[in-house]
Amino acid sequence: MYAVSVIHSSIALPVIGLVGNLFRRKRRPLTVKIIVKMEVQLMPRTGENIYKRKDGRWEGRYIKERINGKARYGAVYARNYKEVKEKLETVKRELAKKNATVKTGKVTEIGNKWLSEISLTLKESSANKYEDILKRYIIPEFGMKELSEITNQQIIDFTSCLLSKGGAKSQGLAPATVAEILSIMNGIRAYALKRDYTVTFSSECVRLKREQKDIRVLSMEEEKQLLLYLHEHLDLSALGIIMCLYTGIRVGELCAMKWDDINLSDKNMRVTRTMQRLRVNASTGNRTEVKISEPKSACSVRTIPLPDTILELLHKFHTPGAYLLTGDGTRYMEPRTIQNHFKKILSSCGIRDANFHATRHTFATRCIELGFDIKSLSEILGHASVGITMNRYVHPSMAHKAENMNRFSTLFAVK
């Protein structure tokens, strides 16, 4: 049996001639099998989102994701319709598989879960601060949105808005405050990722340049003038300010200090508590109240030796069981009261305005000028590391810098 394959009908006549010749030669029955191969041109169907481009390629489009209800498209390309359709079906299957595992949730829901968990390891003051930031800034902006829908661009726009017109008076927030808000967002992000929620924004999408604030340190002349006034108007409040200038304790630690924390015979005092006015949630709305608790960190619990100058004053006012600033066992003076009193004293002395924390900066600076070793100073201040002491609280005066620079005068003296 002979088989002839015919590709196209246009070659039909030569085939017939060939068959005739075969019959004349053999004169026996002949079976001819004709196979015609024809290419079928497949065409796209309506709704497939497959098109032929001007450059000859085929393009298939698909919905890659939806952001705020708006579709974002992706595309695949191939040389013909069949190939692009196969590619399109493959990418759609992979996308469907991925979306089937997406875990979503509202920012309000996830943020509150994060706050409830982290509050177990925080001091009450820190927990209140985080809650305040969450409710004041993050929830109003993102609360009803799915966490998976928040993009890097939205975080960047949010940051710019906070810096330019954030705050109660739309005055713009300080970079340090904005950094704290973004830190909460990053905390929520990390919490969500650990629990397999889908998160698309990155914690690295915004970088804030923090401006170094000018630290107020009393000059030697200002401190002498202040101490002179305090001794001339000596009372328990004045004694408390003198204590801070000679020990560097924080204003909250001063307000929570009791006379029982001071050991006159051993010439030291024990810092074990701090006082703060914190925001609390009540049925009548937000309000604040004074809280006495342990200091901010374990390193802040410390024993501070007392100089003899302080001891002479303490003997005059010593009242066992009472708060140092009031001389009463139940009545205390809260931080903002002593801060306001401090500012009034500065005004009476003709000293440029400063907040109460300047007493701590001033103490640390005087210690460096007197030659204290940094390790001892760090422990007296209650810092976790020497680096914190050096970077945050040690501020050499211009006179001290000039004294150090003048050492070059004798190093290469030319006669």
Protein backbone atom coordinates (compact mmCIF):
# COMPACT_ATOMS: atom_id res chain seq x y z
CA MET A 1 0.00 0.00 0.00
CA TYR A 2 1.26 3.46 -0.90
CA ALA A 3 0.51 6.53 1.20
CA VAL A 4 0.76 10.07 -0.06
CA SER A 5 0.58 13.07 2.27
CA VAL A 6 -0.83 16.21 0.72
CA ILE A 7 -0.18 19.48 2.52
CA HIS A 8 -2.55 21.63 0.49
CA SER A 9 -5.20 21.22 -2.23
CA SER A 10 -3.07 23.26 -4.63
CA ILE A 11 -0.87 20.19 -5.22
CA ALA A 12 -3.80 17.92 -6.05
CA LEU A 13 -3.07 17.65 -9.82
CA PRO A 14 0.53 16.40 -9.51
CA VAL A 15 -0.70 13.76 -7.10
CA ILE A 16 -3.31 12.50 -9.57
CA GLY A 17 -0.66 12.21 -12.27
CA LEU A 18 1.55 10.23 -9.95
CA VAL A 19 -1.27 7.85 -9.15
CA GLY A 20 -1.95 7.30 -12.87
CA ASN A 21 1.65 6.36 -13.52
CA LEU A 22 1.60 3.82 -10.74
CA PHE A 23 -1.46 2.09 -12.18
CA ARG A 24 0.11 1.82 -15.62
CA ARG A 25 3.23 0.18 -14.23
CA LYS A 26 1.85 -2.36 -11.80
CA ARG A 27 -1.67 -2.91 -13.08
CA ARG A 28 -2.82 -3.94 -9.61
CA PRO A 29 -5.20 -2.39 -7.08
CA LEU A 30 -3.77 0.69 -5.40
CA THR A 31 -4.87 2.37 -2.20
CA VAL A 32 -4.00 6.03 -1.87
CA LYS A 33 -4.27 7.82 1.49
CA ILE A 34 -4.37 11.61 1.22
CA ILE A 35 -3.69 13.60 4.42
CA VAL A 36 -4.39 17.30 4.29
CA LYS A 37 -2.90 19.44 7.07
CA MET A 38 -4.55 22.81 7.60
CA GLU A 39 -3.66 25.36 10.31
CA VAL A 40 -6.67 26.71 12.18
CA GLN A 41 -6.30 30.32 13.33
CA LEU A 42 -7.71 30.61 16.92
CA MET A 43 -9.28 33.94 17.81
CA PRO A 44 -9.73 35.54 21.24
CA ARG A 45 -13.11 35.54 22.86
CA THR A 46 -14.87 38.55 24.32
CA GLY A 47 -13.99 39.08 28.00
CA GLU A 48 -10.69 37.17 27.93
CA ASN A 49 -8.61 40.37 27.97
CA ILE A 50 -6.34 38.97 25.24
CA TYR A 51 -5.28 41.23 22.37
CA LYS A 52 -2.87 41.26 19.47
CA ARG A 53 -0.46 44.17 19.72
CA LYS A 54 0.81 46.33 16.87
CA ASP A 55 4.27 44.78 17.25
CA GLY A 56 2.83 41.35 16.46
CA ARG A 57 2.95 39.96 19.98
CA TRP A 58 -0.09 38.82 21.93
CA GLU A 59 -0.88 40.36 25.33
CA GLY A 60 -3.06 38.96 28.10
CA ARG A 61 -4.10 41.23 30.98
CA TYR A 62 -5.28 40.23 34.47
CA ILE A 63 -6.20 41.97 37.76
CA LYS A 64 -3.07 41.85 39.92
CA GLU A 65 -4.54 43.46 43.04
CA ARG A 66 -7.16 45.92 44.24
CA ILE A 67 -6.27 49.03 46.26
CA ASN A 68 -9.11 51.07 47.73
CA GLY A 69 -11.47 49.28 45.35
CA LYS A 70 -9.44 50.17 42.24
CA ALA A 71 -8.01 47.37 40.11
CA ARG A 72 -4.31 47.25 39.26
CA TYR A 73 -3.49 45.15 36.19
CA GLY A 74 -0.61 42.89 35.26
CA ALA A 75 0.19 41.46 31.80
CA VAL A 76 1.78 38.44 30.09
CA TYR A 77 3.08 38.26 26.50
CA ALA A 78 3.62 35.56 23.86
CA ARG A 79 4.10 35.05 20.08
CA ASN A 80 0.59 33.70 19.46
CA TYR A 81 -2.86 33.49 21.01
CA LYS A 82 -2.51 29.91 22.26
CA GLU A 83 0.71 30.61 24.18
CA VAL A 84 -0.52 33.81 25.77
CA LYS A 85 -3.76 32.13 26.84
CA GLU A 86 -1.81 29.35 28.56
CA LYS A 87 0.42 31.89 30.32
CA LEU A 88 -2.60 33.91 31.41
CA GLU A 89 -4.37 30.87 32.86
CA THR A 90 -1.19 29.88 34.73
CA VAL A 91 -0.70 33.30 36.34
CA LYS A 92 -4.39 33.48 37.27
CA ARG A 93 -4.18 30.09 39.01
CA GLU A 94 -1.10 31.19 40.97
CA LEU A 95 -2.77 34.46 41.93
CA ALA A 96 -5.93 32.68 43.06
CA LYS A 97 -3.84 30.31 45.17
CA LYS A 98 -2.03 33.25 46.77
CA ASN A 99 -5.23 35.17 47.46
CA ALA A 100 -6.80 32.09 49.01
CA THR A 101 -4.20 32.30 51.83
CA VAL A 102 -4.48 36.09 52.40
CA LYS A 103 -5.38 36.90 56.00
CA THR A 104 -6.92 40.33 56.36
CA GLY A 105 -8.16 42.50 59.20
CA LYS A 106 -9.02 46.11 59.97
CA VAL A 107 -6.28 48.30 61.42
CA THR A 108 -8.49 49.08 64.44
CA GLU A 109 -8.92 45.39 65.24
CA ILE A 110 -5.27 44.42 64.76
CA GLY A 111 -3.99 47.58 66.50
CA ASN A 112 -6.09 46.94 69.61
CA LYS A 113 -4.93 43.31 69.73
CA TRP A 114 -1.31 44.46 69.49
CA LEU A 115 -1.84 47.01 72.28
CA SER A 116 -3.51 44.44 74.57
CA GLU A 117 -0.59 42.04 74.15
CA ILE A 118 2.26 44.54 74.47
CA SER A 119 0.67 46.27 77.47
CA LEU A 120 1.36 43.15 79.53
CA THR A 121 5.09 43.91 79.32
CA LEU A 122 4.93 47.72 79.58
CA LYS A 123 4.78 50.11 82.48
CA GLU A 124 1.43 51.83 82.85
CA SER A 125 2.82 55.15 81.61
CA SER A 126 4.11 53.58 78.38
CA ALA A 127 0.89 51.64 77.80
CA ASN A 128 -1.15 54.84 78.21
CA LYS A 129 1.14 56.68 75.82
CA TYR A 130 0.81 53.98 73.13
CA GLU A 131 -2.96 53.90 73.52
CA ASP A 132 -3.11 57.68 73.18
CA ILE A 133 -1.08 57.61 69.95
CA LEU A 134 -3.17 54.76 68.54
CA LYS A 135 -6.49 56.50 69.19
CA ARG A 136 -5.40 60.05 68.38
CA TYR A 137 -3.45 59.52 65.16
CA ILE A 138 -3.46 55.99 63.70
CA ILE A 139 -7.09 54.89 64.02
CA PRO A 140 -8.56 58.15 62.64
CA GLU A 141 -6.35 57.77 59.55
CA PHE A 142 -6.29 54.01 58.93
CA GLY A 143 -8.75 52.46 61.40
CA MET A 144 -11.43 51.26 58.97
CA LYS A 145 -8.99 50.15 56.28
CA GLU A 146 -7.74 46.61 55.77
CA LEU A 147 -4.15 46.38 56.93
CA SER A 148 -3.31 44.57 53.67
CA GLU A 149 -4.46 47.62 51.65
CA ILE A 150 -2.09 50.13 53.27
CA THR A 151 0.75 51.01 50.91
CA ASN A 152 4.14 52.65 51.32
CA GLN A 153 2.85 55.76 49.59
CA GLN A 154 0.00 56.08 52.09
CA ILE A 155 2.50 55.89 54.97
CA ILE A 156 4.68 58.54 53.30
CA ASP A 157 1.66 60.84 52.78
CA PHE A 158 0.55 60.26 56.39
CA THR A 159 4.01 61.22 57.65
CA SER A 160 4.10 64.40 55.57
CA CYS A 161 0.66 65.39 56.86
CA LEU A 162 1.71 64.88 60.50
CA LEU A 163 4.83 66.98 60.02
CA SER A 164 3.06 69.83 58.20
CA LYS A 165 -0.34 70.08 59.90
CA GLY A 166 -0.57 67.50 62.67
CA GLY A 167 -1.55 68.41 66.22
CA ALA A 168 -4.57 70.02 67.87
CA LYS A 169 -3.84 73.41 66.29
CA SER A 170 -2.59 72.03 62.95
CA GLN A 171 0.81 73.46 63.78
CA GLY A 172 2.68 70.34 62.67
CA LEU A 173 4.21 67.72 64.96
CA ALA A 174 7.85 67.50 65.93
CA PRO A 175 9.91 64.83 64.12
CA ALA A 176 10.41 63.02 67.44
CA THR A 177 6.63 62.76 67.94
CA VAL A 178 6.09 61.56 64.36
CA ALA A 179 8.84 58.98 64.88
CA GLU A 180 6.93 57.62 67.88
CA ILE A 181 3.73 57.34 65.79
CA LEU A 182 5.58 55.47 63.03
CA SER A 183 7.14 53.21 65.67
CA ILE A 184 3.62 52.19 66.74
CA MET A 185 2.75 51.47 63.09
CA ASN A 186 5.84 49.29 62.80
CA GLY A 187 4.88 47.50 66.00
CA ILE A 188 1.44 46.71 64.58
CA ARG A 189 3.09 45.58 61.32
CA ALA A 190 5.44 43.19 63.13
CA TYR A 191 2.56 41.82 65.23
CA ALA A 192 0.47 41.20 62.09
CA LEU A 193 3.27 39.48 60.17
CA LYS A 194 3.92 37.06 63.03
CA ARG A 195 0.26 36.05 62.84
CA ASP A 196 0.26 35.59 59.05
CA TYR A 197 -1.70 38.73 58.20
CA THR A 198 -0.93 40.18 54.80
CA VAL A 199 1.08 43.42 55.06
CA THR A 200 2.31 45.33 52.01
CA PHE A 201 3.93 48.45 53.51
CA SER A 202 7.53 48.44 54.69
CA SER A 203 8.94 49.82 57.91
CA GLU A 204 11.79 51.35 55.89
CA CYS A 205 9.64 53.48 53.57
CA VAL A 206 10.06 56.61 55.72
CA ARG A 207 13.20 58.01 57.29
CA LEU A 208 12.95 61.02 59.52
CA LYS A 209 15.78 63.40 60.14
CA ARG A 210 15.75 64.22 63.83
CA GLU A 211 16.88 67.65 64.81
CA GLN A 212 19.08 67.83 67.85
CA LYS A 213 17.41 70.04 70.43
CA ASP A 214 19.40 72.62 72.32
CA ILE A 215 19.93 71.33 75.85
CA ARG A 216 19.53 73.93 78.55
CA VAL A 217 22.35 73.80 81.08
CA LEU A 218 22.70 76.44 83.76
CA SER A 219 25.99 78.26 83.62
CA MET A 220 28.19 78.43 86.72
CA GLU A 221 27.03 82.01 87.36
CA GLU A 222 23.35 81.06 86.95
CA GLU A 223 23.69 78.07 89.27
CA LYS A 224 25.42 80.13 91.95
CA GLN A 225 22.72 82.77 91.70
CA LEU A 226 19.97 80.13 91.92
CA LEU A 227 21.53 78.38 94.93
CA LEU A 228 21.91 81.71 96.72
CA TYR A 229 18.21 82.45 96.23
CA LEU A 230 17.17 78.95 97.35
CA HIS A 231 19.17 79.22 100.58
CA GLU A 232 17.76 82.66 101.30
CA HIS A 233 14.20 81.37 100.76
CA LEU A 234 14.72 77.90 102.15
CA ASP A 235 11.63 75.73 102.47
CA LEU A 236 10.78 72.15 101.44
CA SER A 237 10.31 73.11 97.77
CA ALA A 238 13.63 74.95 97.72
CA LEU A 239 15.26 71.97 99.44
CA GLY A 240 13.91 69.67 96.72
CA ILE A 241 15.40 71.81 93.94
CA ILE A 242 18.75 71.86 95.76
CA MET A 243 18.57 68.05 96.02
CA CYS A 244 18.15 67.80 92.23
CA LEU A 245 21.07 70.14 91.55
CA TYR A 246 23.31 68.00 93.79
CA THR A 247 22.09 64.50 92.84
CA GLY A 248 20.56 64.73 89.33
CA ILE A 249 17.36 62.89 90.26
CA ARG A 250 14.33 63.27 87.96
CA VAL A 251 11.38 65.46 88.91
CA GLY A 252 9.08 62.42 89.25
CA GLU A 253 11.59 60.73 91.54
CA LEU A 254 11.80 63.88 93.68
CA CYS A 255 8.01 64.12 94.05
CA ALA A 256 7.73 60.44 95.06
CA MET A 257 10.65 60.69 97.51
CA LYS A 258 9.88 60.13 101.20
CA TRP A 259 12.06 60.95 104.17
CA ASP A 260 12.29 57.23 104.91
CA ASP A 261 14.22 56.85 101.64
CA ILE A 262 16.99 59.05 103.04
CA ASN A 263 19.51 57.46 105.39
CA LEU A 264 21.23 60.29 107.23
CA SER A 265 23.59 58.04 109.15
CA ASP A 266 24.81 56.21 105.99
CA LYS A 267 24.76 59.48 104.03
CA ASN A 268 22.77 58.21 101.07
CA MET A 269 19.29 58.07 99.62
CA ARG A 270 17.43 55.27 97.88
CA VAL A 271 15.47 55.93 94.65
CA THR A 272 12.68 53.36 94.34
CA ARG A 273 9.62 55.24 93.08
CA THR A 274 8.52 57.85 90.56
CA MET A 275 5.40 60.00 90.19
CA GLN A 276 3.56 60.83 86.95
CA ARG A 277 0.26 62.30 85.88
CA LEU A 278 -1.19 59.83 83.39
CA ARG A 279 -4.16 59.83 81.07
CA VAL A 280 -6.76 57.23 82.07
CA ASN A 281 -9.93 56.12 80.30
CA ALA A 282 -13.11 56.66 82.25
CA SER A 283 -16.81 56.40 81.40
CA THR A 284 -17.05 60.19 81.54
CA GLY A 285 -14.27 60.57 78.97
CA ASN A 286 -10.51 61.03 79.03
CA ARG A 287 -9.06 62.36 82.25
CA THR A 288 -5.76 62.24 84.11
CA GLU A 289 -4.65 61.23 87.56
CA VAL A 290 -1.41 61.03 89.51
CA LYS A 291 0.26 57.61 89.69
CA ILE A 292 3.16 56.54 91.90
CA SER A 293 5.04 53.52 90.60
CA GLU A 294 8.48 51.98 90.20
CA PRO A 295 10.99 53.97 88.10
CA LYS A 296 11.12 53.62 84.30
CA SER A 297 13.75 50.85 84.34
CA ALA A 298 15.58 48.52 86.71
CA CYS A 299 18.69 50.70 86.40
CA SER A 300 16.72 53.65 87.74
CA VAL A 301 16.38 51.93 91.10
CA ARG A 302 19.59 53.06 92.75
CA THR A 303 21.38 54.32 95.86
CA ILE A 304 22.97 57.78 95.65
CA PRO A 305 25.63 58.99 98.11
CA LEU A 306 24.84 62.44 99.55
CA PRO A 307 27.42 65.24 99.88
CA ASP A 308 27.90 66.82 103.30
CA THR A 309 26.41 70.14 102.15
CA ILE A 310 23.06 68.44 101.52
CA LEU A 311 23.14 66.47 104.78
CA GLU A 312 23.27 69.65 106.88
CA LEU A 313 20.07 70.91 105.25
CA LEU A 314 18.28 67.54 105.44
CA HIS A 315 18.80 67.34 109.22
CA LYS A 316 16.80 70.57 109.64
CA PHE A 317 13.68 69.31 107.88
CA HIS A 318 13.77 65.54 108.50
CA THR A 319 10.22 64.21 109.05
CA PRO A 320 9.98 60.38 109.22
CA GLY A 321 7.19 58.81 107.12
CA ALA A 322 6.40 62.02 105.21
CA TYR A 323 6.90 63.06 101.58
CA LEU A 324 10.06 65.13 101.22
CA LEU A 325 8.39 68.07 99.44
CA THR A 326 5.38 68.42 101.77
CA GLY A 327 6.46 67.08 105.17
CA ASP A 328 3.12 65.19 105.21
CA GLY A 329 2.54 61.43 105.14
CA THR A 330 -0.46 61.51 102.78
CA ARG A 331 -0.25 64.80 100.89
CA TYR A 332 2.23 64.99 98.02
CA MET A 333 3.35 67.61 95.49
CA GLU A 334 2.95 66.51 91.88
CA PRO A 335 5.57 67.17 89.16
CA ARG A 336 3.82 70.00 87.33
CA THR A 337 3.45 71.94 90.61
CA ILE A 338 7.17 71.87 91.41
CA GLN A 339 7.95 72.63 87.74
CA ASN A 340 5.82 75.76 87.83
CA HIS A 341 7.40 76.77 91.13
CA PHE A 342 10.87 76.28 89.62
CA LYS A 343 10.06 78.58 86.69
CA LYS A 344 8.81 81.29 89.05
CA ILE A 345 12.05 81.07 91.04
CA LEU A 346 14.11 81.44 87.84
CA SER A 347 12.08 84.50 86.93
CA SER A 348 12.62 85.99 90.40
CA CYS A 349 16.36 85.42 90.01
CA GLY A 350 16.45 86.99 86.55
CA ILE A 351 17.67 83.72 85.06
CA ARG A 352 16.70 82.77 81.52
CA ASP A 353 13.77 80.32 81.36
CA ALA A 354 14.45 76.57 81.66
CA ASN A 355 12.42 73.48 82.40
CA PHE A 356 12.99 71.45 85.54
CA HIS A 357 14.97 68.77 83.68
CA ALA A 358 17.72 71.37 83.25
CA THR A 359 18.72 70.60 86.86
CA ARG A 360 19.61 67.04 85.76
CA HIS A 361 21.57 68.25 82.72
CA THR A 362 23.37 70.78 84.88
CA PHE A 363 24.31 68.19 87.51
CA ALA A 364 25.77 65.84 84.88
CA THR A 365 27.74 68.68 83.27
CA ARG A 366 29.20 69.84 86.60
CA CYS A 367 30.24 66.26 87.39
CA ILE A 368 32.19 65.98 84.13
CA GLU A 369 33.83 69.32 84.77
CA LEU A 370 34.86 68.12 88.24
CA GLY A 371 36.44 64.98 86.77
CA PHE A 372 33.85 62.31 87.69
CA ASP A 373 34.46 58.98 86.00
CA ILE A 374 31.66 58.28 83.51
CA LYS A 375 30.75 54.88 84.94
CA SER A 376 30.04 56.29 88.40
CA LEU A 377 28.07 59.18 86.93
CA SER A 378 26.04 56.81 84.75
CA GLU A 379 25.01 54.74 87.79
CA ILE A 380 24.14 57.86 89.83
CA LEU A 381 21.88 59.06 87.00
CA GLY A 382 20.31 55.61 86.69
CA HIS A 383 21.30 54.94 83.07
CA ALA A 384 21.52 51.51 81.46
CA SER A 385 24.81 52.33 79.72
CA VAL A 386 27.64 54.85 79.73
CA GLY A 387 26.78 55.77 76.14
CA ILE A 388 23.43 57.22 77.18
CA THR A 389 25.15 59.40 79.75
CA MET A 390 27.71 60.70 77.28
CA ASN A 391 25.33 61.36 74.40
CA ARG A 392 22.33 62.72 76.25
CA TYR A 393 23.38 64.45 79.46
CA VAL A 394 27.02 65.45 79.31
CA HIS A 395 27.33 68.97 77.91
CA PRO A 396 30.76 70.56 78.36
CA SER A 397 30.60 74.31 78.77
CA MET A 398 32.38 76.67 76.37
CA ALA A 399 34.77 77.64 79.17
CA HIS A 400 35.66 73.97 79.69
CA LYS A 401 36.22 73.51 75.96
CA ALA A 402 38.42 76.60 75.86
CA GLU A 403 40.45 75.29 78.80
CA ASN A 404 41.07 72.01 76.98
CA MET A 405 42.00 73.78 73.74
CA ASN A 406 44.48 76.00 75.58
CA ARG A 407 46.48 72.90 76.48
CA PHE A 408 47.92 73.13 72.98
CA SER A 409 49.54 76.41 73.98
CA THR A 410 52.10 74.65 76.15
CA LEU A 411 52.42 71.53 74.00
CA PHE A 412 54.49 73.19 71.24
CA ALA A 413 55.60 76.37 72.97
CA VAL A 414 58.17 78.29 70.91
CA LYS A 415 60.56 80.48 72.90
